[in-house]
């Protein structure tokens, strides 16, 4: 039995107030900080990389959950780990040799995750399920914050959860994109146990209270 995790997404933070935003995360009930890396090739946007991760690592007291939305992620695993990543997630769609890349992440000492775009079926992960610590289901098309949640994500989570139960496996199921108070309970009931929340936290009137609300939702429905 364990409560779900909440990971505010740095992408939605105010970068003119970075230290204050990290103080907020540190004070809050957030479990992780989600750190999106975009290269302008795998996704149509560029976000941030090593210098910011190194700076954030000095400010953030929570584990840093690095989501690599980049091509050829295997070239950068060691450096992301060295700069402060605790969890490193790569995309199924970006890895020619996914199993090798997952093993590379584990060898670095980080927890290993694999992410799926909205159009990618969970069944394609059958040969990697035993090897990962986390599966990230994108509930928007990756590349930009503030998008509307894709509700077809819910049956997708259920299918994944069923496959994990059948095989007696328990990697975390993380959801990223359009997550907030309006759909958190549905996501937890479907089988999710890590909620990435960007605008719904940092654009809230009281971000710390919103994180607390996200933590409180689903306490009676979540079993892990």
C-alpha atoms as a PDB file:
ATOM      1  CA  UNK A   1       0.000   0.000   0.000  1.00  0.00           C
ATOM      2  CA  UNK A   2       1.464   3.326  -1.018  1.00  0.00           C
ATOM      3  CA  UNK A   3       0.147   6.767  -1.827  1.00  0.00           C
ATOM      4  CA  UNK A   4       0.568   8.138  -5.322  1.00  0.00           C
ATOM      5  CA  UNK A   5       3.321  10.608  -6.194  1.00  0.00           C
ATOM      6  CA  UNK A   6       2.973  14.177  -7.464  1.00  0.00           C
ATOM      7  CA  UNK A   7       5.685  15.690  -9.674  1.00  0.00           C
ATOM      8  CA  UNK A   8       5.317  19.399 -10.511  1.00  0.00           C
ATOM      9  CA  UNK A   9       6.718  20.120 -13.970  1.00  0.00           C
ATOM     10  CA  UNK A  10       9.471  22.728 -14.133  1.00  0.00           C
ATOM     11  CA  UNK A  11       8.425  23.610 -17.678  1.00  0.00           C
ATOM     12  CA  UNK A  12       5.514  25.628 -16.258  1.00  0.00           C
ATOM     13  CA  UNK A  13       7.540  27.457 -13.592  1.00  0.00           C
ATOM     14  CA  UNK A  14       8.468  31.150 -13.616  1.00  0.00           C
ATOM     15  CA  UNK A  15      12.151  31.149 -14.588  1.00  0.00           C
ATOM     16  CA  UNK A  16      12.598  34.745 -13.440  1.00  0.00           C
ATOM     17  CA  UNK A  17      11.861  33.411  -9.941  1.00  0.00           C
ATOM     18  CA  UNK A  18      13.597  30.039 -10.130  1.00  0.00           C
ATOM     19  CA  UNK A  19      14.925  29.971  -6.572  1.00  0.00           C
ATOM     20  CA  UNK A  20      11.500  30.926  -5.198  1.00  0.00           C
ATOM     21  CA  UNK A  21       9.783  28.278  -7.321  1.00  0.00           C
ATOM     22  CA  UNK A  22      12.188  25.628  -6.023  1.00  0.00           C
ATOM     23  CA  UNK A  23      11.587  26.804  -2.441  1.00  0.00           C
ATOM     24  CA  UNK A  24       7.880  26.299  -3.096  1.00  0.00           C
ATOM     25  CA  UNK A  25       8.448  22.758  -4.361  1.00  0.00           C
ATOM     26  CA  UNK A  26      10.710  21.983  -1.396  1.00  0.00           C
ATOM     27  CA  UNK A  27       8.095  23.208   1.112  1.00  0.00           C
ATOM     28  CA  UNK A  28       5.240  21.436  -0.585  1.00  0.00           C
ATOM     29  CA  UNK A  29       4.046  17.836  -0.466  1.00  0.00           C
ATOM     30  CA  UNK A  30       5.488  17.257  -3.956  1.00  0.00           C
ATOM     31  CA  UNK A  31       7.414  14.014  -4.245  1.00  0.00           C
ATOM     32  CA  UNK A  32       9.514  14.721  -7.341  1.00  0.00           C
ATOM     33  CA  UNK A  33      10.360  17.591  -9.662  1.00  0.00           C
ATOM     34  CA  UNK A  34       9.652  16.768 -13.330  1.00  0.00           C
ATOM     35  CA  UNK A  35      12.294  18.109 -15.744  1.00  0.00           C
ATOM     36  CA  UNK A  36      11.433  18.089 -19.465  1.00  0.00           C
ATOM     37  CA  UNK A  37      14.290  18.083 -21.970  1.00  0.00           C
ATOM     38  CA  UNK A  38      13.334  18.888 -25.598  1.00  0.00           C
ATOM     39  CA  UNK A  39      15.726  19.059 -28.534  1.00  0.00           C
ATOM     40  CA  UNK A  40      13.668  20.605 -31.343  1.00  0.00           C
ATOM     41  CA  UNK A  41      14.031  17.374 -33.338  1.00  0.00           C
ATOM     42  CA  UNK A  42      12.076  14.653 -31.571  1.00  0.00           C
ATOM     43  CA  UNK A  43       9.523  17.289 -30.558  1.00  0.00           C
ATOM     44  CA  UNK A  44       8.858  20.706 -32.165  1.00  0.00           C
ATOM     45  CA  UNK A  45      10.231  22.720 -29.261  1.00  0.00           C
ATOM     46  CA  UNK A  46      13.462  23.354 -27.358  1.00  0.00           C
ATOM     47  CA  UNK A  47      13.419  23.545 -23.574  1.00  0.00           C
ATOM     48  CA  UNK A  48      16.546  23.230 -21.429  1.00  0.00           C
ATOM     49  CA  UNK A  49      19.497  20.982 -20.666  1.00  0.00           C
ATOM     50  CA  UNK A  50      22.580  20.406 -18.544  1.00  0.00           C
ATOM     51  CA  UNK A  51      23.289  23.908 -17.117  1.00  0.00           C
ATOM     52  CA  UNK A  52      19.751  24.346 -15.823  1.00  0.00           C
ATOM     53  CA  UNK A  53      19.624  20.806 -14.435  1.00  0.00           C
ATOM     54  CA  UNK A  54      22.854  21.452 -12.547  1.00  0.00           C
ATOM     55  CA  UNK A  55      21.470  24.706 -11.131  1.00  0.00           C
ATOM     56  CA  UNK A  56      18.140  23.151 -10.179  1.00  0.00           C
ATOM     57  CA  UNK A  57      19.904  20.231  -8.505  1.00  0.00           C
ATOM     58  CA  UNK A  58      21.545  22.719  -6.118  1.00  0.00           C
ATOM     59  CA  UNK A  59      18.167  24.265  -5.271  1.00  0.00           C
ATOM     60  CA  UNK A  60      15.799  21.284  -5.261  1.00  0.00           C
ATOM     61  CA  UNK A  61      15.623  18.910  -2.298  1.00  0.00           C
ATOM     62  CA  UNK A  62      13.315  16.462  -4.085  1.00  0.00           C
ATOM     63  CA  UNK A  63      14.299  13.723  -6.561  1.00  0.00           C
ATOM     64  CA  UNK A  64      14.555  15.051 -10.110  1.00  0.00           C
ATOM     65  CA  UNK A  65      12.571  13.131 -12.720  1.00  0.00           C
ATOM     66  CA  UNK A  66      14.209  13.826 -16.103  1.00  0.00           C
ATOM     67  CA  UNK A  67      12.060  13.199 -19.191  1.00  0.00           C
ATOM     68  CA  UNK A  68      14.193  13.092 -22.349  1.00  0.00           C
ATOM     69  CA  UNK A  69      12.156  14.105 -25.395  1.00  0.00           C
ATOM     70  CA  UNK A  70      15.222  13.885 -27.596  1.00  0.00           C
ATOM     71  CA  UNK A  71      16.687  11.750 -30.361  1.00  0.00           C
ATOM     72  CA  UNK A  72      19.679   9.541 -29.545  1.00  0.00           C
ATOM     73  CA  UNK A  73      19.216   9.840 -25.761  1.00  0.00           C
ATOM     74  CA  UNK A  74      21.845   7.145 -25.206  1.00  0.00           C
ATOM     75  CA  UNK A  75      24.548   9.733 -25.968  1.00  0.00           C
ATOM     76  CA  UNK A  76      23.624  11.823 -22.930  1.00  0.00           C
ATOM     77  CA  UNK A  77      22.551   9.410 -20.178  1.00  0.00           C
ATOM     78  CA  UNK A  78      25.762   9.604 -18.138  1.00  0.00           C
ATOM     79  CA  UNK A  79      25.864  13.386 -18.195  1.00  0.00           C
ATOM     80  CA  UNK A  80      22.233  13.785 -17.164  1.00  0.00           C
ATOM     81  CA  UNK A  81      22.899  11.425 -14.264  1.00  0.00           C
ATOM     82  CA  UNK A  82      26.082  13.280 -13.321  1.00  0.00           C
ATOM     83  CA  UNK A  83      24.271  16.623 -13.381  1.00  0.00           C
ATOM     84  CA  UNK A  84      21.589  15.435 -10.948  1.00  0.00           C
ATOM     85  CA  UNK A  85      18.948  13.199 -12.527  1.00  0.00           C
ATOM     86  CA  UNK A  86      17.445  10.589 -10.183  1.00  0.00           C
ATOM     87  CA  UNK A  87      15.005   9.154 -12.737  1.00  0.00           C
ATOM     88  CA  UNK A  88      15.734   9.170 -16.476  1.00  0.00           C
ATOM     89  CA  UNK A  89      12.952   8.407 -18.947  1.00  0.00           C
ATOM     90  CA  UNK A  90      13.486   7.913 -22.673  1.00  0.00           C
ATOM     91  CA  UNK A  91      10.903   7.579 -25.423  1.00  0.00           C
ATOM     92  CA  UNK A  92      10.115   4.245 -27.008  1.00  0.00           C
ATOM     93  CA  UNK A  93       9.812   6.084 -30.325  1.00  0.00           C
ATOM     94  CA  UNK A  94      13.331   7.586 -30.043  1.00  0.00           C
ATOM     95  CA  UNK A  95      15.299   4.434 -29.166  1.00  0.00           C
ATOM     96  CA  UNK A  96      16.450   1.997 -31.813  1.00  0.00           C
ATOM     97  CA  UNK A  97      17.949  -0.228 -29.112  1.00  0.00           C
ATOM     98  CA  UNK A  98      15.580   0.405 -26.207  1.00  0.00           C
ATOM     99  CA  UNK A  99      16.687  -2.474 -24.000  1.00  0.00           C
ATOM    100  CA  UNK A 100      20.316  -1.367 -24.257  1.00  0.00           C
ATOM    101  CA  UNK A 101      19.397   2.216 -23.382  1.00  0.00           C
ATOM    102  CA  UNK A 102      17.361   1.096 -20.361  1.00  0.00           C
ATOM    103  CA  UNK A 103      20.334  -0.959 -19.143  1.00  0.00           C
ATOM    104  CA  UNK A 104      22.582   2.061 -19.670  1.00  0.00           C
ATOM    105  CA  UNK A 105      20.312   4.177 -17.454  1.00  0.00           C
ATOM    106  CA  UNK A 106      20.338   1.540 -14.730  1.00  0.00           C
ATOM    107  CA  UNK A 107      24.123   1.208 -14.932  1.00  0.00           C
ATOM    108  CA  UNK A 108      24.376   4.965 -14.304  1.00  0.00           C
ATOM    109  CA  UNK A 109      22.576   4.519 -10.992  1.00  0.00           C
ATOM    110  CA  UNK A 110      19.354   6.253 -12.031  1.00  0.00           C
ATOM    111  CA  UNK A 111      15.887   4.730 -12.135  1.00  0.00           C
ATOM    112  CA  UNK A 112      14.931   3.854 -15.709  1.00  0.00           C
ATOM    113  CA  UNK A 113      11.709   4.869 -17.423  1.00  0.00           C
ATOM    114  CA  UNK A 114      10.211   4.504 -20.882  1.00  0.00           C
ATOM    115  CA  UNK A 115       7.678   6.960 -22.327  1.00  0.00           C
ATOM    116  CA  UNK A 116       4.952   6.466 -24.940  1.00  0.00           C
ATOM    117  CA  UNK A 117       3.439   9.101 -27.215  1.00  0.00           C
ATOM    118  CA  UNK A 118      -0.373   9.227 -27.369  1.00  0.00           C
ATOM    119  CA  UNK A 119      -0.521   7.183 -30.595  1.00  0.00           C
ATOM    120  CA  UNK A 120       1.825   4.413 -29.381  1.00  0.00           C
ATOM    121  CA  UNK A 121       0.052   1.316 -27.973  1.00  0.00           C
ATOM    122  CA  UNK A 122       1.156  -0.075 -24.625  1.00  0.00           C
ATOM    123  CA  UNK A 123       1.382  -3.568 -26.130  1.00  0.00           C
ATOM    124  CA  UNK A 124       4.675  -2.560 -27.779  1.00  0.00           C
ATOM    125  CA  UNK A 125       6.302  -2.543 -24.336  1.00  0.00           C
ATOM    126  CA  UNK A 126       5.728  -6.253 -23.678  1.00  0.00           C
ATOM    127  CA  UNK A 127       9.395  -7.132 -24.157  1.00  0.00           C
ATOM    128  CA  UNK A 128      10.671  -4.390 -21.846  1.00  0.00           C
ATOM    129  CA  UNK A 129       8.179  -4.420 -18.946  1.00  0.00           C
ATOM    130  CA  UNK A 130      10.417  -6.487 -16.670  1.00  0.00           C
ATOM    131  CA  UNK A 131      13.307  -4.062 -17.149  1.00  0.00           C
ATOM    132  CA  UNK A 132      11.839  -0.654 -16.345  1.00  0.00           C
ATOM    133  CA  UNK A 133      11.135   1.151 -13.088  1.00  0.00           C
ATOM    134  CA  UNK A 134       8.613   3.534 -14.625  1.00  0.00           C
ATOM    135  CA  UNK A 135       6.328   3.819 -17.646  1.00  0.00           C
ATOM    136  CA  UNK A 136       5.335   7.328 -18.693  1.00  0.00           C
ATOM    137  CA  UNK A 137       2.108   7.663 -20.651  1.00  0.00           C
ATOM    138  CA  UNK A 138       1.876  10.957 -22.520  1.00  0.00           C
ATOM    139  CA  UNK A 139      -1.652  12.309 -22.282  1.00  0.00           C
ATOM    140  CA  UNK A 140      -0.911  15.165 -24.698  1.00  0.00           C
ATOM    141  CA  UNK A 141       1.310  15.306 -27.762  1.00  0.00           C
ATOM    142  CA  UNK A 142       4.796  16.031 -26.392  1.00  0.00           C
ATOM    143  CA  UNK A 143       6.515  19.335 -26.999  1.00  0.00           C
ATOM    144  CA  UNK A 144       4.417  22.026 -25.343  1.00  0.00           C
ATOM    145  CA  UNK A 145       2.812  22.661 -21.968  1.00  0.00           C
ATOM    146  CA  UNK A 146      -0.755  23.764 -21.443  1.00  0.00           C
ATOM    147  CA  UNK A 147      -2.417  21.297 -23.841  1.00  0.00           C
ATOM    148  CA  UNK A 148      -5.782  19.636 -23.270  1.00  0.00           C
ATOM    149  CA  UNK A 149      -5.804  16.151 -21.785  1.00  0.00           C
ATOM    150  CA  UNK A 150      -6.478  13.301 -24.253  1.00  0.00           C
ATOM    151  CA  UNK A 151      -9.164  11.157 -22.617  1.00  0.00           C
ATOM    152  CA  UNK A 152      -8.252   8.071 -24.646  1.00  0.00           C
ATOM    153  CA  UNK A 153      -5.367   7.922 -22.169  1.00  0.00           C
ATOM    154  CA  UNK A 154      -7.651   6.396 -19.521  1.00  0.00           C
ATOM    155  CA  UNK A 155      -8.345   3.058 -21.284  1.00  0.00           C
ATOM    156  CA  UNK A 156      -4.669   2.993 -22.273  1.00  0.00           C
ATOM    157  CA  UNK A 157      -3.648   3.174 -18.607  1.00  0.00           C
ATOM    158  CA  UNK A 158      -6.105   0.399 -17.765  1.00  0.00           C
ATOM    159  CA  UNK A 159      -4.666  -1.851 -20.475  1.00  0.00           C
ATOM    160  CA  UNK A 160      -1.163  -1.258 -19.198  1.00  0.00           C
ATOM    161  CA  UNK A 161      -2.173  -1.882 -15.593  1.00  0.00           C
ATOM    162  CA  UNK A 162      -3.849  -5.163 -16.575  1.00  0.00           C
ATOM    163  CA  UNK A 163      -0.680  -6.320 -18.349  1.00  0.00           C
ATOM    164  CA  UNK A 164       1.431  -5.506 -15.312  1.00  0.00           C
ATOM    165  CA  UNK A 165      -0.923  -7.366 -12.970  1.00  0.00           C
ATOM    166  CA  UNK A 166      -0.928 -10.418 -15.259  1.00  0.00           C
ATOM    167  CA  UNK A 167       2.855 -10.555 -15.024  1.00  0.00           C
ATOM    168  CA  UNK A 168       3.098  -9.587 -11.359  1.00  0.00           C
ATOM    169  CA  UNK A 169       5.123  -6.470 -12.168  1.00  0.00           C
ATOM    170  CA  UNK A 170       4.970  -3.113 -10.433  1.00  0.00           C
ATOM    171  CA  UNK A 171       6.783  -0.319 -12.298  1.00  0.00           C
ATOM    172  CA  UNK A 172       5.300   3.098 -11.613  1.00  0.00           C
ATOM    173  CA  UNK A 173       2.781   4.417 -14.151  1.00  0.00           C
ATOM    174  CA  UNK A 174       3.350   8.129 -14.692  1.00  0.00           C
ATOM    175  CA  UNK A 175       0.978  10.458 -16.571  1.00  0.00           C
ATOM    176  CA  UNK A 176       2.165  13.682 -18.182  1.00  0.00           C
ATOM    177  CA  UNK A 177       0.000  16.242 -19.953  1.00  0.00           C
ATOM    178  CA  UNK A 178      -3.147  18.111 -18.963  1.00  0.00           C
ATOM    179  CA  UNK A 179      -3.155  16.598 -15.475  1.00  0.00           C
ATOM    180  CA  UNK A 180      -4.952  18.524 -12.745  1.00  0.00           C
ATOM    181  CA  UNK A 181      -7.615  18.439 -10.070  1.00  0.00           C
ATOM    182  CA  UNK A 182     -10.264  17.851 -12.741  1.00  0.00           C
ATOM    183  CA  UNK A 183      -8.975  14.411 -13.772  1.00  0.00           C
ATOM    184  CA  UNK A 184      -6.530  13.198 -11.094  1.00  0.00           C
ATOM    185  CA  UNK A 185      -9.004  10.801  -9.463  1.00  0.00           C
ATOM    186  CA  UNK A 186      -9.917   9.194 -12.794  1.00  0.00           C
ATOM    187  CA  UNK A 187      -6.229   8.685 -13.551  1.00  0.00           C
ATOM    188  CA  UNK A 188      -5.568   7.053 -10.191  1.00  0.00           C
ATOM    189  CA  UNK A 189      -8.573   4.778 -10.538  1.00  0.00           C
ATOM    190  CA  UNK A 190      -7.314   3.714 -13.967  1.00  0.00           C
ATOM    191  CA  UNK A 191      -3.996   2.645 -12.436  1.00  0.00           C
ATOM    192  CA  UNK A 192      -1.671   5.661 -12.506  1.00  0.00           C
ATOM    193  CA  UNK A 193       0.525   6.356  -9.517  1.00  0.00           C
ATOM    194  CA  UNK A 194       2.672   9.351 -10.569  1.00  0.00           C
ATOM    195  CA  UNK A 195       0.943  12.579 -11.620  1.00  0.00           C
ATOM    196  CA  UNK A 196       2.987  15.172 -13.508  1.00  0.00           C
ATOM    197  CA  UNK A 197       1.338  18.572 -13.126  1.00  0.00           C
ATOM    198  CA  UNK A 198       2.619  21.724 -14.808  1.00  0.00           C
ATOM    199  CA  UNK A 199       0.251  24.623 -15.403  1.00  0.00           C
ATOM    200  CA  UNK A 200      -2.289  23.196 -12.977  1.00  0.00           C
ATOM    201  CA  UNK A 201       0.277  23.749 -10.209  1.00  0.00           C
ATOM    202  CA  UNK A 202       2.456  26.708 -11.167  1.00  0.00           C
ATOM    203  CA  UNK A 203      -0.391  28.773 -12.651  1.00  0.00           C
ATOM    204  CA  UNK A 204      -2.642  28.122  -9.647  1.00  0.00           C
ATOM    205  CA  UNK A 205      -3.485  30.907  -7.211  1.00  0.00           C
ATOM    206  CA  UNK A 206      -1.935  28.791  -4.436  1.00  0.00           C
ATOM    207  CA  UNK A 207       0.450  26.230  -5.964  1.00  0.00           C
ATOM    208  CA  UNK A 208       1.382  24.671  -2.627  1.00  0.00           C
ATOM    209  CA  UNK A 209      -2.282  24.092  -1.748  1.00  0.00           C
ATOM    210  CA  UNK A 210      -2.925  22.643  -5.213  1.00  0.00           C
ATOM    211  CA  UNK A 211      -0.109  20.130  -4.715  1.00  0.00           C
ATOM    212  CA  UNK A 212      -1.622  19.181  -1.364  1.00  0.00           C
ATOM    213  CA  UNK A 213      -5.013  18.673  -3.038  1.00  0.00           C
ATOM    214  CA  UNK A 214      -3.459  16.484  -5.731  1.00  0.00           C
ATOM    215  CA  UNK A 215      -1.820  14.397  -3.015  1.00  0.00           C
ATOM    216  CA  UNK A 216      -5.115  14.032  -1.137  1.00  0.00           C
ATOM    217  CA  UNK A 217      -7.170  12.952  -4.168  1.00  0.00           C
ATOM    218  CA  UNK A 218      -7.669   9.256  -4.534  1.00  0.00           C
ATOM    219  CA  UNK A 219      -6.265   8.157  -1.164  1.00  0.00           C
ATOM    220  CA  UNK A 220      -9.127   5.709  -0.870  1.00  0.00           C
ATOM    221  CA  UNK A 221      -8.984   4.416  -4.444  1.00  0.00           C
ATOM    222  CA  UNK A 222      -5.252   3.958  -4.996  1.00  0.00           C
ATOM    223  CA  UNK A 223      -3.694   0.603  -4.240  1.00  0.00           C
ATOM    224  CA  UNK A 224      -0.122  -0.328  -5.132  1.00  0.00           C
END
